[in-house]
């Protein structure tokens, strides 16, 4: 089942976004949430049973940062290039060439749910 992986350590936000995305994604898509960057990295690198096609990643995670998660995951998952949505409450993307190079979509917190929906639809090729 095609999957969107949401990596964020804010439980209230995660619950709301999982519920929202589950209602707006095309039929047959699944939303998984992982609050821990290291666990998300392991899932992306080693879990071949999950069909993760899009990642929504908070830039400021406990443990490893969103940038580090992307740097370490992409060698194993080059198919995610251009299918990463990075979220943060600070202006970070202009200063990190990694994000521009990888074509990451940027969402500044707080963002509108419609912005997230459109970003995800673009990443899965429906927008």
PDB file of N, CA and C in Angstrom:
ATOM      1  N   UNK A   1       0.847  -1.174   0.000  1.00  0.00           N
ATOM      2  CA  UNK A   1       0.000   0.000   0.000  1.00  0.00           C
ATOM      3  C   UNK A   1       0.898   1.244   0.000  1.00  0.00           C
ATOM      4  N   UNK A   2       0.715   2.167  -0.939  1.00  0.00           N
ATOM      5  CA  UNK A   2       1.546   3.375  -0.954  1.00  0.00           C
ATOM      6  C   UNK A   2       1.354   4.166   0.341  1.00  0.00           C
ATOM      7  N   UNK A   3       2.473   4.709   0.836  1.00  0.00           N
ATOM      8  CA  UNK A   3       2.477   5.290   2.179  1.00  0.00           C
ATOM      9  C   UNK A   3       3.140   6.659   2.203  1.00  0.00           C
ATOM     10  N   UNK A   4       2.573   7.545   3.033  1.00  0.00           N
ATOM     11  CA  UNK A   4       3.193   8.810   3.391  1.00  0.00           C
ATOM     12  C   UNK A   4       3.710   8.643   4.812  1.00  0.00           C
ATOM     13  N   UNK A   5       4.993   8.918   5.016  1.00  0.00           N
ATOM     14  CA  UNK A   5       5.584   8.847   6.348  1.00  0.00           C
ATOM     15  C   UNK A   5       5.705  10.257   6.906  1.00  0.00           C
ATOM     16  N   UNK A   6       5.118  10.461   8.070  1.00  0.00           N
ATOM     17  CA  UNK A   6       5.168  11.741   8.774  1.00  0.00           C
ATOM     18  C   UNK A   6       6.128  11.593   9.937  1.00  0.00           C
ATOM     19  N   UNK A   7       7.201  12.396   9.942  1.00  0.00           N
ATOM     20  CA  UNK A   7       8.202  12.329  11.003  1.00  0.00           C
ATOM     21  C   UNK A   7       8.175  13.646  11.767  1.00  0.00           C
ATOM     22  N   UNK A   8       7.597  13.600  12.946  1.00  0.00           N
ATOM     23  CA  UNK A   8       7.462  14.796  13.785  1.00  0.00           C
ATOM     24  C   UNK A   8       7.312  14.342  15.230  1.00  0.00           C
ATOM     25  N   UNK A   9       7.887  15.106  16.149  1.00  0.00           N
ATOM     26  CA  UNK A   9       7.857  14.705  17.552  1.00  0.00           C
ATOM     27  C   UNK A   9       6.852  15.498  18.390  1.00  0.00           C
ATOM     28  N   UNK A  10       5.912  16.171  17.746  1.00  0.00           N
ATOM     29  CA  UNK A  10       4.851  16.883  18.453  1.00  0.00           C
ATOM     30  C   UNK A  10       3.574  16.045  18.370  1.00  0.00           C
ATOM     31  N   UNK A  11       3.231  15.299  19.438  1.00  0.00           N
ATOM     32  CA  UNK A  11       2.128  14.333  19.371  1.00  0.00           C
ATOM     33  C   UNK A  11       0.778  14.914  18.953  1.00  0.00           C
ATOM     34  N   UNK A  12       0.428  16.084  19.440  1.00  0.00           N
ATOM     35  CA  UNK A  12      -0.872  16.670  19.093  1.00  0.00           C
ATOM     36  C   UNK A  12      -0.920  16.993  17.601  1.00  0.00           C
ATOM     37  N   UNK A  13       0.141  17.578  17.086  1.00  0.00           N
ATOM     38  CA  UNK A  13       0.216  17.895  15.662  1.00  0.00           C
ATOM     39  C   UNK A  13       0.168  16.621  14.818  1.00  0.00           C
ATOM     40  N   UNK A  14       0.906  15.613  15.236  1.00  0.00           N
ATOM     41  CA  UNK A  14       0.956  14.355  14.487  1.00  0.00           C
ATOM     42  C   UNK A  14      -0.431  13.728  14.395  1.00  0.00           C
ATOM     43  N   UNK A  15      -1.135  13.646  15.509  1.00  0.00           N
ATOM     44  CA  UNK A  15      -2.481  13.060  15.488  1.00  0.00           C
ATOM     45  C   UNK A  15      -3.392  13.822  14.527  1.00  0.00           C
ATOM     46  N   UNK A  16      -3.335  15.140  14.594  1.00  0.00           N
ATOM     47  CA  UNK A  16      -4.189  15.955  13.725  1.00  0.00           C
ATOM     48  C   UNK A  16      -3.820  15.765  12.253  1.00  0.00           C
ATOM     49  N   UNK A  17      -2.526  15.749  11.950  1.00  0.00           N
ATOM     50  CA  UNK A  17      -2.103  15.615  10.557  1.00  0.00           C
ATOM     51  C   UNK A  17      -2.387  14.226   9.994  1.00  0.00           C
ATOM     52  N   UNK A  18      -2.207  13.202  10.808  1.00  0.00           N
ATOM     53  CA  UNK A  18      -2.519  11.843  10.339  1.00  0.00           C
ATOM     54  C   UNK A  18      -4.007  11.742  10.028  1.00  0.00           C
ATOM     55  N   UNK A  19      -4.840  12.262  10.906  1.00  0.00           N
ATOM     56  CA  UNK A  19      -6.283  12.223  10.671  1.00  0.00           C
ATOM     57  C   UNK A  19      -6.640  13.008   9.405  1.00  0.00           C
ATOM     58  N   UNK A  20      -6.082  14.198   9.268  1.00  0.00           N
ATOM     59  CA  UNK A  20      -6.375  15.033   8.103  1.00  0.00           C
ATOM     60  C   UNK A  20      -5.914  14.354   6.807  1.00  0.00           C
ATOM     61  N   UNK A  21      -4.653  13.940   6.773  1.00  0.00           N
ATOM     62  CA  UNK A  21      -4.118  13.342   5.546  1.00  0.00           C
ATOM     63  C   UNK A  21      -4.849  12.064   5.169  1.00  0.00           C
ATOM     64  N   UNK A  22      -5.237  11.277   6.156  1.00  0.00           N
ATOM     65  CA  UNK A  22      -5.969  10.041   5.874  1.00  0.00           C
ATOM     66  C   UNK A  22      -7.276  10.331   5.153  1.00  0.00           C
ATOM     67  N   UNK A  23      -7.838  11.499   5.384  1.00  0.00           N
ATOM     68  CA  UNK A  23      -9.091  11.869   4.743  1.00  0.00           C
ATOM     69  C   UNK A  23      -8.951  12.524   3.382  1.00  0.00           C
ATOM     70  N   UNK A  24      -7.753  13.011   3.044  1.00  0.00           N
ATOM     71  CA  UNK A  24      -7.604  13.740   1.776  1.00  0.00           C
ATOM     72  C   UNK A  24      -6.715  13.035   0.750  1.00  0.00           C
ATOM     73  N   UNK A  25      -6.022  11.999   1.157  1.00  0.00           N
ATOM     74  CA  UNK A  25      -5.184  11.276   0.194  1.00  0.00           C
ATOM     75  C   UNK A  25      -6.051  10.430  -0.721  1.00  0.00           C
ATOM     76  N   UNK A  26      -5.537  10.120  -1.906  1.00  0.00           N
ATOM     77  CA  UNK A  26      -6.288   9.234  -2.798  1.00  0.00           C
ATOM     78  C   UNK A  26      -6.559   7.880  -2.126  1.00  0.00           C
ATOM     79  N   UNK A  27      -7.594   7.219  -2.557  1.00  0.00           N
ATOM     80  CA  UNK A  27      -7.949   5.907  -2.008  1.00  0.00           C
ATOM     81  C   UNK A  27      -6.753   4.963  -2.108  1.00  0.00           C
ATOM     82  N   UNK A  28      -6.556   4.190  -1.071  1.00  0.00           N
ATOM     83  CA  UNK A  28      -5.485   3.199  -1.062  1.00  0.00           C
ATOM     84  C   UNK A  28      -4.187   3.673  -0.441  1.00  0.00           C
ATOM     85  N   UNK A  29      -4.091   4.948  -0.090  1.00  0.00           N
ATOM     86  CA  UNK A  29      -2.880   5.471   0.537  1.00  0.00           C
ATOM     87  C   UNK A  29      -2.976   5.360   2.056  1.00  0.00           C
ATOM     88  N   UNK A  30      -1.837   5.129   2.686  1.00  0.00           N
ATOM     89  CA  UNK A  30      -1.727   4.989   4.129  1.00  0.00           C
ATOM     90  C   UNK A  30      -0.844   6.112   4.665  1.00  0.00           C
ATOM     91  N   UNK A  31      -1.126   6.568   5.878  1.00  0.00           N
ATOM     92  CA  UNK A  31      -0.281   7.554   6.549  1.00  0.00           C
ATOM     93  C   UNK A  31       0.293   6.898   7.790  1.00  0.00           C
ATOM     94  N   UNK A  32       1.620   6.885   7.891  1.00  0.00           N
ATOM     95  CA  UNK A  32       2.315   6.390   9.075  1.00  0.00           C
ATOM     96  C   UNK A  32       2.987   7.562   9.761  1.00  0.00           C
ATOM     97  N   UNK A  33       3.055   7.521  11.090  1.00  0.00           N
ATOM     98  CA  UNK A  33       3.741   8.566  11.842  1.00  0.00           C
ATOM     99  C   UNK A  33       4.848   7.941  12.668  1.00  0.00           C
ATOM    100  N   UNK A  34       5.959   8.645  12.730  1.00  0.00           N
ATOM    101  CA  UNK A  34       7.093   8.211  13.540  1.00  0.00           C
ATOM    102  C   UNK A  34       7.669   9.438  14.238  1.00  0.00           C
ATOM    103  N   UNK A  35       7.639   9.475  15.572  1.00  0.00           N
ATOM    104  CA  UNK A  35       8.131  10.657  16.286  1.00  0.00           C
ATOM    105  C   UNK A  35       9.652  10.711  16.432  1.00  0.00           C
ATOM    106  N   UNK A  36      10.317   9.617  16.183  1.00  0.00           N
ATOM    107  CA  UNK A  36      11.760   9.525  16.419  1.00  0.00           C
ATOM    108  C   UNK A  36      12.519   9.477  15.095  1.00  0.00           C
ATOM    109  N   UNK A  37      13.452  10.410  14.921  1.00  0.00           N
ATOM    110  CA  UNK A  37      14.208  10.476  13.675  1.00  0.00           C
ATOM    111  C   UNK A  37      15.027   9.233  13.397  1.00  0.00           C
ATOM    112  N   UNK A  38      15.647   8.667  14.417  1.00  0.00           N
ATOM    113  CA  UNK A  38      16.456   7.450  14.230  1.00  0.00           C
ATOM    114  C   UNK A  38      15.576   6.278  13.811  1.00  0.00           C
ATOM    115  N   UNK A  39      14.414   6.148  14.441  1.00  0.00           N
ATOM    116  CA  UNK A  39      13.500   5.064  14.074  1.00  0.00           C
ATOM    117  C   UNK A  39      12.986   5.254  12.646  1.00  0.00           C
ATOM    118  N   UNK A  40      12.715   6.501  12.272  1.00  0.00           N
ATOM    119  CA  UNK A  40      12.283   6.782  10.900  1.00  0.00           C
ATOM    120  C   UNK A  40      13.388   6.422   9.913  1.00  0.00           C
ATOM    121  N   UNK A  41      14.617   6.741  10.268  1.00  0.00           N
ATOM    122  CA  UNK A  41      15.751   6.405   9.411  1.00  0.00           C
ATOM    123  C   UNK A  41      15.840   4.898   9.213  1.00  0.00           C
ATOM    124  N   UNK A  42      15.713   4.147  10.291  1.00  0.00           N
ATOM    125  CA  UNK A  42      15.749   2.687  10.197  1.00  0.00           C
ATOM    126  C   UNK A  42      14.618   2.184   9.313  1.00  0.00           C
ATOM    127  N   UNK A  43      13.430   2.753   9.481  1.00  0.00           N
ATOM    128  CA  UNK A  43      12.296   2.355   8.660  1.00  0.00           C
ATOM    129  C   UNK A  43      12.579   2.617   7.183  1.00  0.00           C
ATOM    130  N   UNK A  44      13.149   3.771   6.883  1.00  0.00           N
ATOM    131  CA  UNK A  44      13.427   4.116   5.487  1.00  0.00           C
ATOM    132  C   UNK A  44      14.539   3.262   4.889  1.00  0.00           C
ATOM    133  N   UNK A  45      15.545   2.950   5.682  1.00  0.00           N
ATOM    134  CA  UNK A  45      16.687   2.207   5.166  1.00  0.00           C
ATOM    135  C   UNK A  45      16.454   0.703   5.096  1.00  0.00           C
ATOM    136  N   UNK A  46      15.725   0.161   6.068  1.00  0.00           N
ATOM    137  CA  UNK A  46      15.689  -1.288   6.222  1.00  0.00           C
ATOM    138  C   UNK A  46      14.343  -1.958   6.033  1.00  0.00           C
ATOM    139  N   UNK A  47      13.260  -1.217   6.134  1.00  0.00           N
ATOM    140  CA  UNK A  47      11.940  -1.836   6.111  1.00  0.00           C
ATOM    141  C   UNK A  47      11.400  -1.877   4.689  1.00  0.00           C
ATOM    142  N   UNK A  48      11.688  -2.971   3.997  1.00  0.00           N
ATOM    143  CA  UNK A  48      11.260  -3.087   2.601  1.00  0.00           C
ATOM    144  C   UNK A  48       9.796  -3.495   2.478  1.00  0.00           C
ATOM    145  N   UNK A  49       9.148  -3.807   3.605  1.00  0.00           N
ATOM    146  CA  UNK A  49       7.743  -4.202   3.552  1.00  0.00           C
ATOM    147  C   UNK A  49       6.820  -2.997   3.422  1.00  0.00           C
ATOM    148  N   UNK A  50       7.328  -1.799   3.701  1.00  0.00           N
ATOM    149  CA  UNK A  50       6.509  -0.588   3.615  1.00  0.00           C
ATOM    150  C   UNK A  50       6.814   0.123   2.300  1.00  0.00           C
ATOM    151  N   UNK A  51       5.770   0.571   1.647  1.00  0.00           N
ATOM    152  CA  UNK A  51       5.893   1.246   0.360  1.00  0.00           C
ATOM    153  C   UNK A  51       5.862   2.769   0.581  1.00  0.00           C
ATOM    154  N   UNK A  52       6.890   3.280   1.248  1.00  0.00           N
ATOM    155  CA  UNK A  52       6.937   4.710   1.571  1.00  0.00           C
ATOM    156  C   UNK A  52       7.329   5.481   0.314  1.00  0.00           C
ATOM    157  N   UNK A  53       6.427   6.375  -0.118  1.00  0.00           N
ATOM    158  CA  UNK A  53       6.651   7.127  -1.352  1.00  0.00           C
ATOM    159  C   UNK A  53       6.837   8.618  -1.131  1.00  0.00           C
ATOM    160  N   UNK A  54       6.404   9.115   0.037  1.00  0.00           N
ATOM    161  CA  UNK A  54       6.522  10.531   0.369  1.00  0.00           C
ATOM    162  C   UNK A  54       6.861  10.626   1.855  1.00  0.00           C
ATOM    163  N   UNK A  55       7.727  11.589   2.196  1.00  0.00           N
ATOM    164  CA  UNK A  55       8.044  11.840   3.609  1.00  0.00           C
ATOM    165  C   UNK A  55       7.780  13.301   3.935  1.00  0.00           C
ATOM    166  N   UNK A  56       7.113  13.505   5.053  1.00  0.00           N
ATOM    167  CA  UNK A  56       6.930  14.838   5.625  1.00  0.00           C
ATOM    168  C   UNK A  56       7.794  14.851   6.877  1.00  0.00           C
ATOM    169  N   UNK A  57       8.795  15.718   6.903  1.00  0.00           N
ATOM    170  CA  UNK A  57       9.799  15.665   7.969  1.00  0.00           C
ATOM    171  C   UNK A  57       9.904  17.012   8.660  1.00  0.00           C
ATOM    172  N   UNK A  58       9.767  16.987   9.972  1.00  0.00           N
ATOM    173  CA  UNK A  58      10.008  18.185  10.765  1.00  0.00           C
ATOM    174  C   UNK A  58      11.516  18.424  10.801  1.00  0.00           C
ATOM    175  N   UNK A  59      11.916  19.651  10.584  1.00  0.00           N
ATOM    176  CA  UNK A  59      13.343  19.968  10.562  1.00  0.00           C
ATOM    177  C   UNK A  59      13.971  19.814  11.950  1.00  0.00           C
ATOM    178  N   UNK A  60      13.231  20.173  12.983  1.00  0.00           N
ATOM    179  CA  UNK A  60      13.768  20.149  14.350  1.00  0.00           C
ATOM    180  C   UNK A  60      13.223  18.954  15.108  1.00  0.00           C
ATOM    181  N   UNK A  61      13.882  17.818  14.959  1.00  0.00           N
ATOM    182  CA  UNK A  61      13.518  16.603  15.680  1.00  0.00           C
ATOM    183  C   UNK A  61      14.442  16.424  16.879  1.00  0.00           C
ATOM    184  N   UNK A  62      13.965  15.703  17.869  1.00  0.00           N
ATOM    185  CA  UNK A  62      14.868  15.302  18.958  1.00  0.00           C
ATOM    186  C   UNK A  62      15.792  14.226  18.402  1.00  0.00           C
ATOM    187  N   UNK A  63      17.013  14.213  18.858  1.00  0.00           N
ATOM    188  CA  UNK A  63      17.964  13.222  18.343  1.00  0.00           C
ATOM    189  C   UNK A  63      18.602  13.763  17.078  1.00  0.00           C
ATOM    190  N   UNK A  64      18.321  13.129  15.949  1.00  0.00           N
ATOM    191  CA  UNK A  64      18.894  13.622  14.695  1.00  0.00           C
ATOM    192  C   UNK A  64      17.953  14.659  14.089  1.00  0.00           C
ATOM    193  N   UNK A  65      18.516  15.614  13.394  1.00  0.00           N
ATOM    194  CA  UNK A  65      17.711  16.658  12.758  1.00  0.00           C
ATOM    195  C   UNK A  65      17.060  16.110  11.488  1.00  0.00           C
ATOM    196  N   UNK A  66      16.099  16.853  10.992  1.00  0.00           N
ATOM    197  CA  UNK A  66      15.487  16.490   9.724  1.00  0.00           C
ATOM    198  C   UNK A  66      16.514  16.450   8.603  1.00  0.00           C
ATOM    199  N   UNK A  67      17.452  17.395   8.621  1.00  0.00           N
ATOM    200  CA  UNK A  67      18.503  17.419   7.594  1.00  0.00           C
ATOM    201  C   UNK A  67      19.363  16.167   7.664  1.00  0.00           C
ATOM    202  N   UNK A  68      19.727  15.764   8.866  1.00  0.00           N
ATOM    203  CA  UNK A  68      20.549  14.553   9.026  1.00  0.00           C
ATOM    204  C   UNK A  68      19.769  13.312   8.597  1.00  0.00           C
ATOM    205  N   UNK A  69      18.502  13.272   8.920  1.00  0.00           N
ATOM    206  CA  UNK A  69      17.663  12.153   8.492  1.00  0.00           C
ATOM    207  C   UNK A  69      17.670  12.046   6.970  1.00  0.00           C
ATOM    208  N   UNK A  70      17.500  13.157   6.290  1.00  0.00           N
ATOM    209  CA  UNK A  70      17.507  13.157   4.831  1.00  0.00           C
ATOM    210  C   UNK A  70      18.869  12.748   4.289  1.00  0.00           C
ATOM    211  N   UNK A  71      19.927  13.329   4.835  1.00  0.00           N
ATOM    212  CA  UNK A  71      21.290  13.001   4.364  1.00  0.00           C
ATOM    213  C   UNK A  71      21.584  11.511   4.479  1.00  0.00           C
ATOM    214  N   UNK A  72      21.128  10.900   5.554  1.00  0.00           N
ATOM    215  CA  UNK A  72      21.437   9.486   5.798  1.00  0.00           C
ATOM    216  C   UNK A  72      20.470   8.534   5.095  1.00  0.00           C
ATOM    217  N   UNK A  73      19.249   8.977   4.830  1.00  0.00           N
ATOM    218  CA  UNK A  73      18.258   8.090   4.216  1.00  0.00           C
ATOM    219  C   UNK A  73      18.376   8.021   2.696  1.00  0.00           C
ATOM    220  N   UNK A  74      18.716   9.123   2.062  1.00  0.00           N
ATOM    221  CA  UNK A  74      18.684   9.162   0.596  1.00  0.00           C
ATOM    222  C   UNK A  74      19.624   8.179  -0.109  1.00  0.00           C
ATOM    223  N   UNK A  75      20.807   7.879   0.434  1.00  0.00           N
ATOM    224  CA  UNK A  75      21.612   6.867  -0.274  1.00  0.00           C
ATOM    225  C   UNK A  75      20.885   5.527  -0.417  1.00  0.00           C
ATOM    226  N   UNK A  76      20.082   5.159   0.568  1.00  0.00           N
ATOM    227  CA  UNK A  76      19.322   3.914   0.496  1.00  0.00           C
ATOM    228  C   UNK A  76      17.995   4.092  -0.223  1.00  0.00           C
ATOM    229  N   UNK A  77      17.492   5.336  -0.289  1.00  0.00           N
ATOM    230  CA  UNK A  77      16.178   5.603  -0.873  1.00  0.00           C
ATOM    231  C   UNK A  77      16.231   6.760  -1.869  1.00  0.00           C
ATOM    232  N   UNK A  78      17.002   6.627  -2.947  1.00  0.00           N
ATOM    233  CA  UNK A  78      17.072   7.713  -3.930  1.00  0.00           C
ATOM    234  C   UNK A  78      15.719   7.991  -4.596  1.00  0.00           C
ATOM    235  N   UNK A  79      14.793   7.047  -4.517  1.00  0.00           N
ATOM    236  CA  UNK A  79      13.461   7.247  -5.084  1.00  0.00           C
ATOM    237  C   UNK A  79      12.680   8.343  -4.360  1.00  0.00           C
ATOM    238  N   UNK A  80      13.137   8.737  -3.170  1.00  0.00           N
ATOM    239  CA  UNK A  80      12.456   9.795  -2.415  1.00  0.00           C
ATOM    240  C   UNK A  80      12.934  11.194  -2.796  1.00  0.00           C
ATOM    241  N   UNK A  81      13.937  11.281  -3.627  1.00  0.00           N
ATOM    242  CA  UNK A  81      14.409  12.594  -4.072  1.00  0.00           C
ATOM    243  C   UNK A  81      13.260  13.336  -4.754  1.00  0.00           C
ATOM    244  N   UNK A  82      13.003  14.550  -4.273  1.00  0.00           N
ATOM    245  CA  UNK A  82      11.893  15.324  -4.807  1.00  0.00           C
ATOM    246  C   UNK A  82      10.546  14.969  -4.197  1.00  0.00           C
ATOM    247  N   UNK A  83      10.526  14.043  -3.254  1.00  0.00           N
ATOM    248  CA  UNK A  83       9.281  13.625  -2.605  1.00  0.00           C
ATOM    249  C   UNK A  83       9.364  13.832  -1.094  1.00  0.00           C
ATOM    250  N   UNK A  84      10.171  14.818  -0.720  1.00  0.00           N
ATOM    251  CA  UNK A  84      10.377  15.152   0.686  1.00  0.00           C
ATOM    252  C   UNK A  84       9.777  16.522   0.969  1.00  0.00           C
ATOM    253  N   UNK A  85       8.984  16.594   2.003  1.00  0.00           N
ATOM    254  CA  UNK A  85       8.382  17.851   2.427  1.00  0.00           C
ATOM    255  C   UNK A  85       8.964  18.151   3.801  1.00  0.00           C
ATOM    256  N   UNK A  86       9.673  19.262   3.913  1.00  0.00           N
ATOM    257  CA  UNK A  86      10.350  19.610   5.157  1.00  0.00           C
ATOM    258  C   UNK A  86       9.617  20.784   5.805  1.00  0.00           C
ATOM    259  N   UNK A  87       9.310  20.626   7.090  1.00  0.00           N
ATOM    260  CA  UNK A  87       8.548  21.628   7.833  1.00  0.00           C
ATOM    261  C   UNK A  87       9.383  22.196   8.973  1.00  0.00           C
ATOM    262  N   UNK A  88       9.218  23.494   9.202  1.00  0.00           N
ATOM    263  CA  UNK A  88       9.899  24.115  10.334  1.00  0.00           C
ATOM    264  C   UNK A  88       9.285  25.467  10.636  1.00  0.00           C
ATOM    265  N   UNK A  89       9.472  25.889  11.879  1.00  0.00           N
ATOM    266  CA  UNK A  89       9.032  27.205  12.304  1.00  0.00           C
ATOM    267  C   UNK A  89      10.104  28.261  12.144  1.00  0.00           C
ATOM    268  N   UNK A  90      11.263  27.885  11.610  1.00  0.00           N
ATOM    269  CA  UNK A  90      12.346  28.859  11.410  1.00  0.00           C
ATOM    270  C   UNK A  90      12.737  28.887   9.942  1.00  0.00           C
ATOM    271  N   UNK A  91      13.384  29.975   9.552  1.00  0.00           N
ATOM    272  CA  UNK A  91      13.812  30.078   8.148  1.00  0.00           C
ATOM    273  C   UNK A  91      15.150  29.364   8.013  1.00  0.00           C
ATOM    274  N   UNK A  92      15.090  28.137   7.569  1.00  0.00           N
ATOM    275  CA  UNK A  92      16.271  27.282   7.531  1.00  0.00           C
ATOM    276  C   UNK A  92      16.668  26.890   6.127  1.00  0.00           C
ATOM    277  N   UNK A  93      15.729  26.793   5.228  1.00  0.00           N
ATOM    278  CA  UNK A  93      16.046  26.209   3.927  1.00  0.00           C
ATOM    279  C   UNK A  93      16.954  27.070   3.086  1.00  0.00           C
ATOM    280  N   UNK A  94      16.843  28.389   3.223  1.00  0.00           N
ATOM    281  CA  UNK A  94      17.701  29.240   2.408  1.00  0.00           C
ATOM    282  C   UNK A  94      19.174  29.029   2.749  1.00  0.00           C
ATOM    283  N   UNK A  95      19.437  28.662   4.007  1.00  0.00           N
ATOM    284  CA  UNK A  95      20.826  28.535   4.443  1.00  0.00           C
ATOM    285  C   UNK A  95      21.389  27.136   4.244  1.00  0.00           C
ATOM    286  N   UNK A  96      20.582  26.177   3.864  1.00  0.00           N
ATOM    287  CA  UNK A  96      21.078  24.817   3.691  1.00  0.00           C
ATOM    288  C   UNK A  96      20.915  24.394   2.232  1.00  0.00           C
ATOM    289  N   UNK A  97      22.026  24.338   1.493  1.00  0.00           N
ATOM    290  CA  UNK A  97      21.936  23.998   0.070  1.00  0.00           C
ATOM    291  C   UNK A  97      21.423  22.581  -0.174  1.00  0.00           C
ATOM    292  N   UNK A  98      21.488  21.723   0.828  1.00  0.00           N
ATOM    293  CA  UNK A  98      20.993  20.363   0.673  1.00  0.00           C
ATOM    294  C   UNK A  98      19.541  20.356   0.215  1.00  0.00           C
ATOM    295  N   UNK A  99      18.713  21.201   0.821  1.00  0.00           N
ATOM    296  CA  UNK A  99      17.296  21.173   0.523  1.00  0.00           C
ATOM    297  C   UNK A  99      17.002  21.623  -0.904  1.00  0.00           C
ATOM    298  N   UNK A 100      17.673  22.653  -1.343  1.00  0.00           N
ATOM    299  CA  UNK A 100      17.474  23.110  -2.717  1.00  0.00           C
ATOM    300  C   UNK A 100      17.965  22.056  -3.707  1.00  0.00           C
ATOM    301  N   UNK A 101      19.092  21.459  -3.408  1.00  0.00           N
ATOM    302  CA  UNK A 101      19.678  20.442  -4.288  1.00  0.00           C
ATOM    303  C   UNK A 101      18.754  19.236  -4.451  1.00  0.00           C
ATOM    304  N   UNK A 102      18.063  18.876  -3.388  1.00  0.00           N
ATOM    305  CA  UNK A 102      17.203  17.702  -3.419  1.00  0.00           C
ATOM    306  C   UNK A 102      15.771  18.020  -3.836  1.00  0.00           C
ATOM    307  N   UNK A 103      15.499  19.280  -4.069  1.00  0.00           N
ATOM    308  CA  UNK A 103      14.166  19.672  -4.487  1.00  0.00           C
ATOM    309  C   UNK A 103      13.114  19.469  -3.420  1.00  0.00           C
ATOM    310  N   UNK A 104      13.507  19.629  -2.171  1.00  0.00           N
ATOM    311  CA  UNK A 104      12.551  19.477  -1.071  1.00  0.00           C
ATOM    312  C   UNK A 104      11.506  20.574  -1.124  1.00  0.00           C
ATOM    313  N   UNK A 105      10.294  20.193  -0.848  1.00  0.00           N
ATOM    314  CA  UNK A 105       9.214  21.158  -0.685  1.00  0.00           C
ATOM    315  C   UNK A 105       9.343  21.719   0.727  1.00  0.00           C
ATOM    316  N   UNK A 106       9.112  23.000   0.856  1.00  0.00           N
ATOM    317  CA  UNK A 106       9.240  23.666   2.152  1.00  0.00           C
ATOM    318  C   UNK A 106       7.874  24.119   2.643  1.00  0.00           C
ATOM    319  N   UNK A 107       7.585  23.825   3.900  1.00  0.00           N
ATOM    320  CA  UNK A 107       6.392  24.348   4.546  1.00  0.00           C
ATOM    321  C   UNK A 107       6.814  25.012   5.847  1.00  0.00           C
ATOM    322  N   UNK A 108       6.514  26.293   5.964  1.00  0.00           N
ATOM    323  CA  UNK A 108       6.827  27.027   7.190  1.00  0.00           C
ATOM    324  C   UNK A 108       5.687  26.861   8.182  1.00  0.00           C
ATOM    325  N   UNK A 109       6.035  26.464   9.399  1.00  0.00           N
ATOM    326  CA  UNK A 109       5.032  26.373  10.469  1.00  0.00           C
ATOM    327  C   UNK A 109       4.778  27.765  11.013  1.00  0.00           C
ATOM    328  N   UNK A 110       3.555  28.090  11.305  1.00  0.00           N
ATOM    329  CA  UNK A 110       2.365  27.267  11.069  1.00  0.00           C
ATOM    330  C   UNK A 110       1.953  27.343   9.601  1.00  0.00           C
ATOM    331  N   UNK A 111       1.538  26.229   9.063  1.00  0.00           N
ATOM    332  CA  UNK A 111       1.079  26.199   7.675  1.00  0.00           C
ATOM    333  C   UNK A 111      -0.404  25.857   7.650  1.00  0.00           C
ATOM    334  N   UNK A 112      -1.025  26.194   6.548  1.00  0.00           N
ATOM    335  CA  UNK A 112      -2.430  25.856   6.344  1.00  0.00           C
ATOM    336  C   UNK A 112      -2.522  24.394   5.899  1.00  0.00           C
ATOM    337  N   UNK A 113      -3.562  23.712   6.304  1.00  0.00           N
ATOM    338  CA  UNK A 113      -3.735  22.319   5.903  1.00  0.00           C
ATOM    339  C   UNK A 113      -3.803  22.175   4.387  1.00  0.00           C
ATOM    340  N   UNK A 114      -4.385  23.145   3.731  1.00  0.00           N
ATOM    341  CA  UNK A 114      -4.471  23.102   2.265  1.00  0.00           C
ATOM    342  C   UNK A 114      -3.066  23.136   1.650  1.00  0.00           C
ATOM    343  N   UNK A 115      -2.143  23.882   2.246  1.00  0.00           N
ATOM    344  CA  UNK A 115      -0.761  23.898   1.745  1.00  0.00           C
ATOM    345  C   UNK A 115      -0.142  22.504   1.842  1.00  0.00           C
ATOM    346  N   UNK A 116      -0.386  21.842   2.952  1.00  0.00           N
ATOM    347  CA  UNK A 116       0.144  20.489   3.126  1.00  0.00           C
ATOM    348  C   UNK A 116      -0.492  19.533   2.124  1.00  0.00           C
ATOM    349  N   UNK A 117      -1.793  19.601   1.971  1.00  0.00           N
ATOM    350  CA  UNK A 117      -2.483  18.721   1.029  1.00  0.00           C
ATOM    351  C   UNK A 117      -1.922  18.883  -0.375  1.00  0.00           C
ATOM    352  N   UNK A 118      -1.760  20.124  -0.807  1.00  0.00           N
ATOM    353  CA  UNK A 118      -1.239  20.372  -2.154  1.00  0.00           C
ATOM    354  C   UNK A 118       0.196  19.891  -2.303  1.00  0.00           C
ATOM    355  N   UNK A 119       1.020  20.081  -1.278  1.00  0.00           N
ATOM    356  CA  UNK A 119       2.409  19.615  -1.332  1.00  0.00           C
ATOM    357  C   UNK A 119       2.467  18.092  -1.453  1.00  0.00           C
ATOM    358  N   UNK A 120       1.640  17.404  -0.685  1.00  0.00           N
ATOM    359  CA  UNK A 120       1.616  15.938  -0.743  1.00  0.00           C
ATOM    360  C   UNK A 120       1.107  15.475  -2.104  1.00  0.00           C
ATOM    361  N   UNK A 121       0.070  16.098  -2.603  1.00  0.00           N
ATOM    362  CA  UNK A 121      -0.450  15.703  -3.919  1.00  0.00           C
ATOM    363  C   UNK A 121       0.580  15.930  -5.023  1.00  0.00           C
ATOM    364  N   UNK A 122       1.340  17.022  -4.940  1.00  0.00           N
ATOM    365  CA  UNK A 122       2.418  17.235  -5.928  1.00  0.00           C
ATOM    366  C   UNK A 122       3.460  16.125  -5.819  1.00  0.00           C
ATOM    367  N   UNK A 123       3.799  15.756  -4.596  1.00  0.00           N
ATOM    368  CA  UNK A 123       4.834  14.727  -4.389  1.00  0.00           C
ATOM    369  C   UNK A 123       4.394  13.364  -4.920  1.00  0.00           C
ATOM    370  N   UNK A 124       3.100  13.064  -4.808  1.00  0.00           N
ATOM    371  CA  UNK A 124       2.644  11.754  -5.300  1.00  0.00           C
ATOM    372  C   UNK A 124       2.223  11.797  -6.769  1.00  0.00           C
ATOM    373  N   UNK A 125       2.308  12.995  -7.349  1.00  0.00           N
ATOM    374  CA  UNK A 125       2.017  13.118  -8.778  1.00  0.00           C
ATOM    375  C   UNK A 125       0.553  13.342  -9.097  1.00  0.00           C
ATOM    376  N   UNK A 126      -0.203  13.851  -8.119  1.00  0.00           N
ATOM    377  CA  UNK A 126      -1.625  14.120  -8.355  1.00  0.00           C
ATOM    378  C   UNK A 126      -1.943  15.616  -8.278  1.00  0.00           C
ATOM    379  N   UNK A 127      -0.922  16.453  -8.362  1.00  0.00           N
ATOM    380  CA  UNK A 127      -1.218  17.872  -8.192  1.00  0.00           C
ATOM    381  C   UNK A 127      -0.422  18.759  -9.090  1.00  0.00           C
TER     382      UNK A 127
END
